[in-house]
Amino acid sequence: AFCKTHGLNVSITRCCNNYGPSQHGEKL
């Protein structure tokens, strides 16, 4: 909406599950 209304140069990313070092302990 801010892109459409105000012309803000915004992109959205939608990522799958992440893994790697130092991930919080409650994650899978």
mmCIF file of all heavy atoms, coordinates in Angstrom:
data_MODEL
# 
_entry.id   MODEL 
# 
loop_
_atom_site.group_PDB 
_atom_site.id 
_atom_site.type_symbol 
_atom_site.label_atom_id 
_atom_site.label_alt_id 
_atom_site.label_comp_id 
_atom_site.label_asym_id 
_atom_site.label_entity_id 
_atom_site.label_seq_id 
_atom_site.pdbx_PDB_ins_code 
_atom_site.Cartn_x 
_atom_site.Cartn_y 
_atom_site.Cartn_z 
_atom_site.occupancy 
_atom_site.B_iso_or_equiv 
_atom_site.pdbx_formal_charge 
_atom_site.auth_seq_id 
_atom_site.auth_comp_id 
_atom_site.auth_asym_id 
_atom_site.auth_atom_id 
_atom_site.pdbx_PDB_model_num 
ATOM 1   N N   . ALA A 1 1  ? 0.825  -1.207  0.000  1.00 0.00 ? 1  ALA A N   1 
ATOM 2   C CA  . ALA A 1 1  ? 0.000  0.000   0.000  1.00 0.00 ? 1  ALA A CA  1 
ATOM 3   C C   . ALA A 1 1  ? 0.859  1.258   0.000  1.00 0.00 ? 1  ALA A C   1 
ATOM 4   O O   . ALA A 1 1  ? 0.550  2.241   -0.686 1.00 0.00 ? 1  ALA A O   1 
ATOM 5   C CB  . ALA A 1 1  ? -0.935 -0.016  1.213  1.00 0.00 ? 1  ALA A CB  1 
ATOM 6   N N   . PHE A 1 2  ? 1.962  1.250   0.757  1.00 0.00 ? 2  PHE A N   1 
ATOM 7   C CA  . PHE A 1 2  ? 2.852  2.411   0.779  1.00 0.00 ? 2  PHE A CA  1 
ATOM 8   C C   . PHE A 1 2  ? 3.566  2.577   -0.559 1.00 0.00 ? 2  PHE A C   1 
ATOM 9   O O   . PHE A 1 2  ? 3.878  3.694   -0.971 1.00 0.00 ? 2  PHE A O   1 
ATOM 10  C CB  . PHE A 1 2  ? 3.854  2.287   1.930  1.00 0.00 ? 2  PHE A CB  1 
ATOM 11  C CG  . PHE A 1 2  ? 3.360  2.884   3.215  1.00 0.00 ? 2  PHE A CG  1 
ATOM 12  C CD1 . PHE A 1 2  ? 2.410  2.230   3.985  1.00 0.00 ? 2  PHE A CD1 1 
ATOM 13  C CD2 . PHE A 1 2  ? 3.838  4.109   3.647  1.00 0.00 ? 2  PHE A CD2 1 
ATOM 14  C CE1 . PHE A 1 2  ? 1.941  2.788   5.161  1.00 0.00 ? 2  PHE A CE1 1 
ATOM 15  C CE2 . PHE A 1 2  ? 3.379  4.678   4.822  1.00 0.00 ? 2  PHE A CE2 1 
ATOM 16  C CZ  . PHE A 1 2  ? 2.413  4.016   5.592  1.00 0.00 ? 2  PHE A CZ  1 
ATOM 17  N N   . CYS A 1 3  ? 3.820  1.480   -1.241 1.00 0.00 ? 3  CYS A N   1 
ATOM 18  C CA  . CYS A 1 3  ? 4.400  1.559   -2.581 1.00 0.00 ? 3  CYS A CA  1 
ATOM 19  C C   . CYS A 1 3  ? 3.411  2.207   -3.544 1.00 0.00 ? 3  CYS A C   1 
ATOM 20  O O   . CYS A 1 3  ? 3.761  3.128   -4.293 1.00 0.00 ? 3  CYS A O   1 
ATOM 21  C CB  . CYS A 1 3  ? 4.789  0.170   -3.060 1.00 0.00 ? 3  CYS A CB  1 
ATOM 22  S SG  . CYS A 1 3  ? 5.493  0.117   -4.723 1.00 0.00 ? 3  CYS A SG  1 
ATOM 23  N N   . LYS A 1 4  ? 2.165  1.741   -3.504 1.00 0.00 ? 4  LYS A N   1 
ATOM 24  C CA  . LYS A 1 4  ? 1.140  2.248   -4.415 1.00 0.00 ? 4  LYS A CA  1 
ATOM 25  C C   . LYS A 1 4  ? 0.756  3.689   -4.098 1.00 0.00 ? 4  LYS A C   1 
ATOM 26  O O   . LYS A 1 4  ? 0.638  4.538   -4.992 1.00 0.00 ? 4  LYS A O   1 
ATOM 27  C CB  . LYS A 1 4  ? -0.092 1.341   -4.333 1.00 0.00 ? 4  LYS A CB  1 
ATOM 28  C CG  . LYS A 1 4  ? -1.225 1.706   -5.267 1.00 0.00 ? 4  LYS A CG  1 
ATOM 29  C CD  . LYS A 1 4  ? -0.862 1.430   -6.707 1.00 0.00 ? 4  LYS A CD  1 
ATOM 30  C CE  . LYS A 1 4  ? -2.073 1.628   -7.627 1.00 0.00 ? 4  LYS A CE  1 
ATOM 31  N NZ  . LYS A 1 4  ? -1.741 1.360   -9.042 1.00 0.00 ? 4  LYS A NZ  1 
ATOM 32  N N   . THR A 1 5  ? 0.560  3.975   -2.817 1.00 0.00 ? 5  THR A N   1 
ATOM 33  C CA  . THR A 1 5  ? 0.057  5.287   -2.414 1.00 0.00 ? 5  THR A CA  1 
ATOM 34  C C   . THR A 1 5  ? 1.133  6.366   -2.452 1.00 0.00 ? 5  THR A C   1 
ATOM 35  O O   . THR A 1 5  ? 0.905  7.471   -2.938 1.00 0.00 ? 5  THR A O   1 
ATOM 36  C CB  . THR A 1 5  ? -0.546 5.211   -0.995 1.00 0.00 ? 5  THR A CB  1 
ATOM 37  O OG1 . THR A 1 5  ? -1.576 4.235   -0.975 1.00 0.00 ? 5  THR A OG1 1 
ATOM 38  C CG2 . THR A 1 5  ? -1.102 6.552   -0.564 1.00 0.00 ? 5  THR A CG2 1 
ATOM 39  N N   . HIS A 1 6  ? 2.310  6.025   -1.920 1.00 0.00 ? 6  HIS A N   1 
ATOM 40  C CA  . HIS A 1 6  ? 3.359  7.031   -1.753 1.00 0.00 ? 6  HIS A CA  1 
ATOM 41  C C   . HIS A 1 6  ? 4.520  6.884   -2.736 1.00 0.00 ? 6  HIS A C   1 
ATOM 42  O O   . HIS A 1 6  ? 5.419  7.727   -2.755 1.00 0.00 ? 6  HIS A O   1 
ATOM 43  C CB  . HIS A 1 6  ? 3.929  6.964   -0.328 1.00 0.00 ? 6  HIS A CB  1 
ATOM 44  C CG  . HIS A 1 6  ? 2.915  7.259   0.744  1.00 0.00 ? 6  HIS A CG  1 
ATOM 45  N ND1 . HIS A 1 6  ? 2.413  8.523   0.962  1.00 0.00 ? 6  HIS A ND1 1 
ATOM 46  C CD2 . HIS A 1 6  ? 2.317  6.448   1.668  1.00 0.00 ? 6  HIS A CD2 1 
ATOM 47  C CE1 . HIS A 1 6  ? 1.551  8.497   1.975  1.00 0.00 ? 6  HIS A CE1 1 
ATOM 48  N NE2 . HIS A 1 6  ? 1.465  7.246   2.408  1.00 0.00 ? 6  HIS A NE2 1 
ATOM 49  N N   . GLY A 1 7  ? 4.524  5.800   -3.514 1.00 0.00 ? 7  GLY A N   1 
ATOM 50  C CA  . GLY A 1 7  ? 5.653  5.593   -4.424 1.00 0.00 ? 7  GLY A CA  1 
ATOM 51  C C   . GLY A 1 7  ? 6.905  5.108   -3.727 1.00 0.00 ? 7  GLY A C   1 
ATOM 52  O O   . GLY A 1 7  ? 8.012  5.225   -4.279 1.00 0.00 ? 7  GLY A O   1 
ATOM 53  N N   . LEU A 1 8  ? 6.764  4.536   -2.515 1.00 0.00 ? 8  LEU A N   1 
ATOM 54  C CA  . LEU A 1 8  ? 7.931  4.029   -1.798 1.00 0.00 ? 8  LEU A CA  1 
ATOM 55  C C   . LEU A 1 8  ? 8.533  2.853   -2.570 1.00 0.00 ? 8  LEU A C   1 
ATOM 56  O O   . LEU A 1 8  ? 7.819  1.934   -2.986 1.00 0.00 ? 8  LEU A O   1 
ATOM 57  C CB  . LEU A 1 8  ? 7.537  3.581   -0.395 1.00 0.00 ? 8  LEU A CB  1 
ATOM 58  C CG  . LEU A 1 8  ? 8.663  3.034   0.500  1.00 0.00 ? 8  LEU A CG  1 
ATOM 59  C CD1 . LEU A 1 8  ? 9.682  4.117   0.812  1.00 0.00 ? 8  LEU A CD1 1 
ATOM 60  C CD2 . LEU A 1 8  ? 8.087  2.469   1.804  1.00 0.00 ? 8  LEU A CD2 1 
ATOM 61  N N   . ASN A 1 9  ? 9.829  2.860   -2.735 1.00 0.00 ? 9  ASN A N   1 
ATOM 62  C CA  . ASN A 1 9  ? 10.530 1.815   -3.484 1.00 0.00 ? 9  ASN A CA  1 
ATOM 63  C C   . ASN A 1 9  ? 10.742 0.607   -2.573 1.00 0.00 ? 9  ASN A C   1 
ATOM 64  O O   . ASN A 1 9  ? 11.820 0.395   -2.029 1.00 0.00 ? 9  ASN A O   1 
ATOM 65  C CB  . ASN A 1 9  ? 11.864 2.359   -3.998 1.00 0.00 ? 9  ASN A CB  1 
ATOM 66  C CG  . ASN A 1 9  ? 12.586 1.381   -4.901 1.00 0.00 ? 9  ASN A CG  1 
ATOM 67  O OD1 . ASN A 1 9  ? 12.092 0.293   -5.176 1.00 0.00 ? 9  ASN A OD1 1 
ATOM 68  N ND2 . ASN A 1 9  ? 13.769 1.754   -5.349 1.00 0.00 ? 9  ASN A ND2 1 
ATOM 69  N N   . VAL A 1 10 ? 9.693  -0.181  -2.428 1.00 0.00 ? 10 VAL A N   1 
ATOM 70  C CA  . VAL A 1 10 ? 9.722  -1.318  -1.504 1.00 0.00 ? 10 VAL A CA  1 
ATOM 71  C C   . VAL A 1 10 ? 9.505  -2.616  -2.262 1.00 0.00 ? 10 VAL A C   1 
ATOM 72  O O   . VAL A 1 10 ? 8.679  -2.697  -3.165 1.00 0.00 ? 10 VAL A O   1 
ATOM 73  C CB  . VAL A 1 10 ? 8.657  -1.157  -0.385 1.00 0.00 ? 10 VAL A CB  1 
ATOM 74  C CG1 . VAL A 1 10 ? 7.268  -1.006  -0.938 1.00 0.00 ? 10 VAL A CG1 1 
ATOM 75  C CG2 . VAL A 1 10 ? 8.710  -2.317  0.605  1.00 0.00 ? 10 VAL A CG2 1 
ATOM 76  N N   . SER A 1 11 ? 10.292 -3.627  -1.912 1.00 0.00 ? 11 SER A N   1 
ATOM 77  C CA  . SER A 1 11 ? 10.086 -4.993  -2.374 1.00 0.00 ? 11 SER A CA  1 
ATOM 78  C C   . SER A 1 11 ? 9.852  -5.880  -1.159 1.00 0.00 ? 11 SER A C   1 
ATOM 79  O O   . SER A 1 11 ? 10.325 -5.572  -0.058 1.00 0.00 ? 11 SER A O   1 
ATOM 80  C CB  . SER A 1 11 ? 11.293 -5.514  -3.157 1.00 0.00 ? 11 SER A CB  1 
ATOM 81  O OG  . SER A 1 11 ? 11.513 -4.777  -4.336 1.00 0.00 ? 11 SER A OG  1 
ATOM 82  N N   . ILE A 1 12 ? 9.149  -6.984  -1.370 1.00 0.00 ? 12 ILE A N   1 
ATOM 83  C CA  . ILE A 1 12 ? 8.858  -7.934  -0.302 1.00 0.00 ? 12 ILE A CA  1 
ATOM 84  C C   . ILE A 1 12 ? 9.527  -9.259  -0.631 1.00 0.00 ? 12 ILE A C   1 
ATOM 85  O O   . ILE A 1 12 ? 9.502  -9.705  -1.776 1.00 0.00 ? 12 ILE A O   1 
ATOM 86  C CB  . ILE A 1 12 ? 7.339  -8.148  -0.152 1.00 0.00 ? 12 ILE A CB  1 
ATOM 87  C CG1 . ILE A 1 12 ? 6.661  -6.844  0.270  1.00 0.00 ? 12 ILE A CG1 1 
ATOM 88  C CG2 . ILE A 1 12 ? 7.029  -9.263  0.858  1.00 0.00 ? 12 ILE A CG2 1 
ATOM 89  C CD1 . ILE A 1 12 ? 5.140  -6.920  0.251  1.00 0.00 ? 12 ILE A CD1 1 
ATOM 90  N N   . THR A 1 13 ? 10.136 -9.877  0.362  1.00 0.00 ? 13 THR A N   1 
ATOM 91  C CA  . THR A 1 13 ? 10.675 -11.227 0.203  1.00 0.00 ? 13 THR A CA  1 
ATOM 92  C C   . THR A 1 13 ? 9.911  -12.177 1.103  1.00 0.00 ? 13 THR A C   1 
ATOM 93  O O   . THR A 1 13 ? 9.546  -11.832 2.225  1.00 0.00 ? 13 THR A O   1 
ATOM 94  C CB  . THR A 1 13 ? 12.170 -11.301 0.540  1.00 0.00 ? 13 THR A CB  1 
ATOM 95  O OG1 . THR A 1 13 ? 12.369 -10.960 1.919  1.00 0.00 ? 13 THR A OG1 1 
ATOM 96  C CG2 . THR A 1 13 ? 12.978 -10.351 -0.332 1.00 0.00 ? 13 THR A CG2 1 
ATOM 97  N N   . ARG A 1 14 ? 9.657  -13.384 0.582  1.00 0.00 ? 14 ARG A N   1 
ATOM 98  C CA  . ARG A 1 14 ? 8.989  -14.425 1.368  1.00 0.00 ? 14 ARG A CA  1 
ATOM 99  C C   . ARG A 1 14 ? 9.839  -15.678 1.288  1.00 0.00 ? 14 ARG A C   1 
ATOM 100 O O   . ARG A 1 14 ? 9.950  -16.296 0.230  1.00 0.00 ? 14 ARG A O   1 
ATOM 101 C CB  . ARG A 1 14 ? 7.568  -14.675 0.837  1.00 0.00 ? 14 ARG A CB  1 
ATOM 102 C CG  . ARG A 1 14 ? 6.665  -13.467 1.031  1.00 0.00 ? 14 ARG A CG  1 
ATOM 103 C CD  . ARG A 1 14 ? 5.269  -13.651 0.485  1.00 0.00 ? 14 ARG A CD  1 
ATOM 104 N NE  . ARG A 1 14 ? 4.488  -12.444 0.709  1.00 0.00 ? 14 ARG A NE  1 
ATOM 105 C CZ  . ARG A 1 14 ? 3.541  -12.002 -0.121 1.00 0.00 ? 14 ARG A CZ  1 
ATOM 106 N NH1 . ARG A 1 14 ? 3.249  -12.684 -1.227 1.00 0.00 ? 14 ARG A NH1 1 
ATOM 107 N NH2 . ARG A 1 14 ? 2.889  -10.894 0.146  1.00 0.00 ? 14 ARG A NH2 1 
ATOM 108 N N   . CYS A 1 15 ? 10.436 -16.035 2.403  1.00 0.00 ? 15 CYS A N   1 
ATOM 109 C CA  . CYS A 1 15 ? 11.415 -17.111 2.440  1.00 0.00 ? 15 CYS A CA  1 
ATOM 110 C C   . CYS A 1 15 ? 10.853 -18.343 3.141  1.00 0.00 ? 15 CYS A C   1 
ATOM 111 O O   . CYS A 1 15 ? 9.958  -18.246 3.994  1.00 0.00 ? 15 CYS A O   1 
ATOM 112 C CB  . CYS A 1 15 ? 12.683 -16.648 3.157  1.00 0.00 ? 15 CYS A CB  1 
ATOM 113 S SG  . CYS A 1 15 ? 14.094 -17.761 2.956  1.00 0.00 ? 15 CYS A SG  1 
ATOM 114 N N   . CYS A 1 16 ? 11.413 -19.492 2.784  1.00 0.00 ? 16 CYS A N   1 
ATOM 115 C CA  . CYS A 1 16 ? 11.073 -20.745 3.446  1.00 0.00 ? 16 CYS A CA  1 
ATOM 116 C C   . CYS A 1 16 ? 11.805 -20.836 4.790  1.00 0.00 ? 16 CYS A C   1 
ATOM 117 O O   . CYS A 1 16 ? 12.471 -19.889 5.219  1.00 0.00 ? 16 CYS A O   1 
ATOM 118 C CB  . CYS A 1 16 ? 11.427 -21.924 2.542  1.00 0.00 ? 16 CYS A CB  1 
ATOM 119 S SG  . CYS A 1 16 ? 13.194 -22.093 2.191  1.00 0.00 ? 16 CYS A SG  1 
ATOM 120 N N   . ASN A 1 17 ? 11.709 -21.972 5.460  1.00 0.00 ? 17 ASN A N   1 
ATOM 121 C CA  . ASN A 1 17 ? 12.359 -22.160 6.756  1.00 0.00 ? 17 ASN A CA  1 
ATOM 122 C C   . ASN A 1 17 ? 13.878 -22.000 6.637  1.00 0.00 ? 17 ASN A C   1 
ATOM 123 O O   . ASN A 1 17 ? 14.492 -22.561 5.744  1.00 0.00 ? 17 ASN A O   1 
ATOM 124 C CB  . ASN A 1 17 ? 12.058 -23.561 7.305  1.00 0.00 ? 17 ASN A CB  1 
ATOM 125 C CG  . ASN A 1 17 ? 10.707 -23.644 7.972  1.00 0.00 ? 17 ASN A CG  1 
ATOM 126 O OD1 . ASN A 1 17 ? 9.781  -22.945 7.593  1.00 0.00 ? 17 ASN A OD1 1 
ATOM 127 N ND2 . ASN A 1 17 ? 10.588 -24.515 8.960  1.00 0.00 ? 17 ASN A ND2 1 
ATOM 128 N N   . ASN A 1 18 ? 14.442 -21.240 7.563  1.00 0.00 ? 18 ASN A N   1 
ATOM 129 C CA  . ASN A 1 18 ? 15.886 -21.038 7.613  1.00 0.00 ? 18 ASN A CA  1 
ATOM 130 C C   . ASN A 1 18 ? 16.529 -21.971 8.631  1.00 0.00 ? 18 ASN A C   1 
ATOM 131 O O   . ASN A 1 18 ? 15.896 -22.374 9.613  1.00 0.00 ? 18 ASN A O   1 
ATOM 132 C CB  . ASN A 1 18 ? 16.211 -19.606 8.015  1.00 0.00 ? 18 ASN A CB  1 
ATOM 133 C CG  . ASN A 1 18 ? 16.162 -18.622 6.874  1.00 0.00 ? 18 ASN A CG  1 
ATOM 134 O OD1 . ASN A 1 18 ? 17.076 -17.840 6.670  1.00 0.00 ? 18 ASN A OD1 1 
ATOM 135 N ND2 . ASN A 1 18 ? 15.076 -18.633 6.120  1.00 0.00 ? 18 ASN A ND2 1 
ATOM 136 N N   . TYR A 1 19 ? 17.801 -22.268 8.405  1.00 0.00 ? 19 TYR A N   1 
ATOM 137 C CA  . TYR A 1 19 ? 18.595 -22.990 9.394  1.00 0.00 ? 19 TYR A CA  1 
ATOM 138 C C   . TYR A 1 19 ? 20.026 -22.484 9.284  1.00 0.00 ? 19 TYR A C   1 
ATOM 139 O O   . TYR A 1 19 ? 20.415 -21.848 8.299  1.00 0.00 ? 19 TYR A O   1 
ATOM 140 C CB  . TYR A 1 19 ? 18.537 -24.508 9.172  1.00 0.00 ? 19 TYR A CB  1 
ATOM 141 C CG  . TYR A 1 19 ? 19.317 -24.977 7.959  1.00 0.00 ? 19 TYR A CG  1 
ATOM 142 C CD1 . TYR A 1 19 ? 20.609 -25.491 8.086  1.00 0.00 ? 19 TYR A CD1 1 
ATOM 143 C CD2 . TYR A 1 19 ? 18.785 -24.881 6.680  1.00 0.00 ? 19 TYR A CD2 1 
ATOM 144 C CE1 . TYR A 1 19 ? 21.336 -25.896 6.978  1.00 0.00 ? 19 TYR A CE1 1 
ATOM 145 C CE2 . TYR A 1 19 ? 19.497 -25.290 5.570  1.00 0.00 ? 19 TYR A CE2 1 
ATOM 146 C CZ  . TYR A 1 19 ? 20.773 -25.791 5.720  1.00 0.00 ? 19 TYR A CZ  1 
ATOM 147 O OH  . TYR A 1 19 ? 21.489 -26.179 4.629  1.00 0.00 ? 19 TYR A OH  1 
ATOM 148 N N   . GLY A 1 20 ? 20.826 -22.747 10.323 1.00 0.00 ? 20 GLY A N   1 
ATOM 149 C CA  . GLY A 1 20 ? 22.215 -22.317 10.328 1.00 0.00 ? 20 GLY A CA  1 
ATOM 150 C C   . GLY A 1 20 ? 22.695 -22.098 11.748 1.00 0.00 ? 20 GLY A C   1 
ATOM 151 O O   . GLY A 1 20 ? 21.952 -22.304 12.718 1.00 0.00 ? 20 GLY A O   1 
ATOM 152 N N   . PRO A 1 21 ? 23.956 -21.676 11.911 1.00 0.00 ? 21 PRO A N   1 
ATOM 153 C CA  . PRO A 1 21 ? 24.521 -21.473 13.247 1.00 0.00 ? 21 PRO A CA  1 
ATOM 154 C C   . PRO A 1 21 ? 23.796 -20.376 14.020 1.00 0.00 ? 21 PRO A C   1 
ATOM 155 O O   . PRO A 1 21 ? 23.312 -19.412 13.445 1.00 0.00 ? 21 PRO A O   1 
ATOM 156 C CB  . PRO A 1 21 ? 25.970 -21.065 12.946 1.00 0.00 ? 21 PRO A CB  1 
ATOM 157 C CG  . PRO A 1 21 ? 26.238 -21.531 11.558 1.00 0.00 ? 21 PRO A CG  1 
ATOM 158 C CD  . PRO A 1 21 ? 24.937 -21.450 10.835 1.00 0.00 ? 21 PRO A CD  1 
ATOM 159 N N   . SER A 1 22 ? 23.714 -20.533 15.311 1.00 0.00 ? 22 SER A N   1 
ATOM 160 C CA  . SER A 1 22 ? 23.204 -19.559 16.289 1.00 0.00 ? 22 SER A CA  1 
ATOM 161 C C   . SER A 1 22 ? 21.701 -19.320 16.190 1.00 0.00 ? 22 SER A C   1 
ATOM 162 O O   . SER A 1 22 ? 21.207 -18.302 16.659 1.00 0.00 ? 22 SER A O   1 
ATOM 163 C CB  . SER A 1 22 ? 23.955 -18.214 16.202 1.00 0.00 ? 22 SER A CB  1 
ATOM 164 O OG  . SER A 1 22 ? 23.536 -17.430 15.100 1.00 0.00 ? 22 SER A OG  1 
ATOM 165 N N   . GLN A 1 23 ? 20.962 -20.280 15.645 1.00 0.00 ? 23 GLN A N   1 
ATOM 166 C CA  . GLN A 1 23 ? 19.506 -20.151 15.608 1.00 0.00 ? 23 GLN A CA  1 
ATOM 167 C C   . GLN A 1 23 ? 18.930 -20.318 17.016 1.00 0.00 ? 23 GLN A C   1 
ATOM 168 O O   . GLN A 1 23 ? 19.452 -21.080 17.831 1.00 0.00 ? 23 GLN A O   1 
ATOM 169 C CB  . GLN A 1 23 ? 18.910 -21.200 14.665 1.00 0.00 ? 23 GLN A CB  1 
ATOM 170 C CG  . GLN A 1 23 ? 17.436 -20.985 14.360 1.00 0.00 ? 23 GLN A CG  1 
ATOM 171 C CD  . GLN A 1 23 ? 16.946 -21.878 13.234 1.00 0.00 ? 23 GLN A CD  1 
ATOM 172 O OE1 . GLN A 1 23 ? 17.541 -22.910 12.934 1.00 0.00 ? 23 GLN A OE1 1 
ATOM 173 N NE2 . GLN A 1 23 ? 15.857 -21.491 12.589 1.00 0.00 ? 23 GLN A NE2 1 
ATOM 174 N N   . HIS A 1 24 ? 17.837 -19.598 17.305 1.00 0.00 ? 24 HIS A N   1 
ATOM 175 C CA  . HIS A 1 24 ? 17.231 -19.663 18.632 1.00 0.00 ? 24 HIS A CA  1 
ATOM 176 C C   . HIS A 1 24 ? 16.795 -21.092 18.955 1.00 0.00 ? 24 HIS A C   1 
ATOM 177 O O   . HIS A 1 24 ? 16.258 -21.804 18.105 1.00 0.00 ? 24 HIS A O   1 
ATOM 178 C CB  . HIS A 1 24 ? 16.030 -18.720 18.710 1.00 0.00 ? 24 HIS A CB  1 
ATOM 179 C CG  . HIS A 1 24 ? 15.525 -18.520 20.100 1.00 0.00 ? 24 HIS A CG  1 
ATOM 180 N ND1 . HIS A 1 24 ? 14.595 -19.352 20.685 1.00 0.00 ? 24 HIS A ND1 1 
ATOM 181 C CD2 . HIS A 1 24 ? 15.833 -17.595 21.033 1.00 0.00 ? 24 HIS A CD2 1 
ATOM 182 C CE1 . HIS A 1 24 ? 14.350 -18.941 21.912 1.00 0.00 ? 24 HIS A CE1 1 
ATOM 183 N NE2 . HIS A 1 24 ? 15.077 -17.867 22.147 1.00 0.00 ? 24 HIS A NE2 1 
ATOM 184 N N   . GLY A 1 25 ? 16.996 -21.492 20.204 1.00 0.00 ? 25 GLY A N   1 
ATOM 185 C CA  . GLY A 1 25 ? 16.821 -22.873 20.623 1.00 0.00 ? 25 GLY A CA  1 
ATOM 186 C C   . GLY A 1 25 ? 15.419 -23.416 20.515 1.00 0.00 ? 25 GLY A C   1 
ATOM 187 O O   . GLY A 1 25 ? 15.230 -24.633 20.487 1.00 0.00 ? 25 GLY A O   1 
ATOM 188 N N   . GLU A 1 26 ? 14.382 -22.560 20.446 1.00 0.00 ? 26 GLU A N   1 
ATOM 189 C CA  . GLU A 1 26 ? 13.018 -23.079 20.380 1.00 0.00 ? 26 GLU A CA  1 
ATOM 190 C C   . GLU A 1 26 ? 12.607 -23.470 18.954 1.00 0.00 ? 26 GLU A C   1 
ATOM 191 O O   . GLU A 1 26 ? 11.572 -24.109 18.765 1.00 0.00 ? 26 GLU A O   1 
ATOM 192 C CB  . GLU A 1 26 ? 12.034 -22.046 20.930 1.00 0.00 ? 26 GLU A CB  1 
ATOM 193 C CG  . GLU A 1 26 ? 11.843 -20.830 20.048 1.00 0.00 ? 26 GLU A CG  1 
ATOM 194 C CD  . GLU A 1 26 ? 10.951 -19.770 20.701 1.00 0.00 ? 26 GLU A CD  1 
ATOM 195 O OE1 . GLU A 1 26 ? 10.504 -19.970 21.843 1.00 0.00 ? 26 GLU A OE1 1 
ATOM 196 O OE2 . GLU A 1 26 ? 10.723 -18.736 20.063 1.00 0.00 ? 26 GLU A OE2 1 
ATOM 197 N N   . LYS A 1 27 ? 13.403 -23.113 17.958 1.00 0.00 ? 27 LYS A N   1 
ATOM 198 C CA  . LYS A 1 27 ? 13.083 -23.474 16.581 1.00 0.00 ? 27 LYS A CA  1 
ATOM 199 C C   . LYS A 1 27 ? 13.314 -24.972 16.360 1.00 0.00 ? 27 LYS A C   1 
ATOM 200 O O   . LYS A 1 27 ? 13.989 -25.649 17.130 1.00 0.00 ? 27 LYS A O   1 
ATOM 201 C CB  . LYS A 1 27 ? 13.910 -22.644 15.606 1.00 0.00 ? 27 LYS A CB  1 
ATOM 202 C CG  . LYS A 1 27 ? 13.643 -21.143 15.681 1.00 0.00 ? 27 LYS A CG  1 
ATOM 203 C CD  . LYS A 1 27 ? 12.240 -20.808 15.211 1.00 0.00 ? 27 LYS A CD  1 
ATOM 204 C CE  . LYS A 1 27 ? 12.021 -19.310 15.137 1.00 0.00 ? 27 LYS A CE  1 
ATOM 205 N NZ  . LYS A 1 27 ? 10.684 -18.961 14.622 1.00 0.00 ? 27 LYS A NZ  1 
ATOM 206 N N   . LEU A 1 28 ? 12.783 -25.484 15.242 1.00 0.00 ? 28 LEU A N   1 
ATOM 207 C CA  . LEU A 1 28 ? 12.734 -26.932 15.051 1.00 0.00 ? 28 LEU A CA  1 
ATOM 208 C C   . LEU A 1 28 ? 14.106 -27.590 14.982 1.00 0.00 ? 28 LEU A C   1 
ATOM 209 O O   . LEU A 1 28 ? 14.367 -28.568 15.717 1.00 0.00 ? 28 LEU A O   1 
ATOM 210 C CB  . LEU A 1 28 ? 11.939 -27.263 13.780 1.00 0.00 ? 28 LEU A CB  1 
ATOM 211 C CG  . LEU A 1 28 ? 11.814 -28.756 13.445 1.00 0.00 ? 28 LEU A CG  1 
ATOM 212 C CD1 . LEU A 1 28 ? 11.170 -29.529 14.582 1.00 0.00 ? 28 LEU A CD1 1 
ATOM 213 C CD2 . LEU A 1 28 ? 11.025 -28.936 12.149 1.00 0.00 ? 28 LEU A CD2 1 
# 
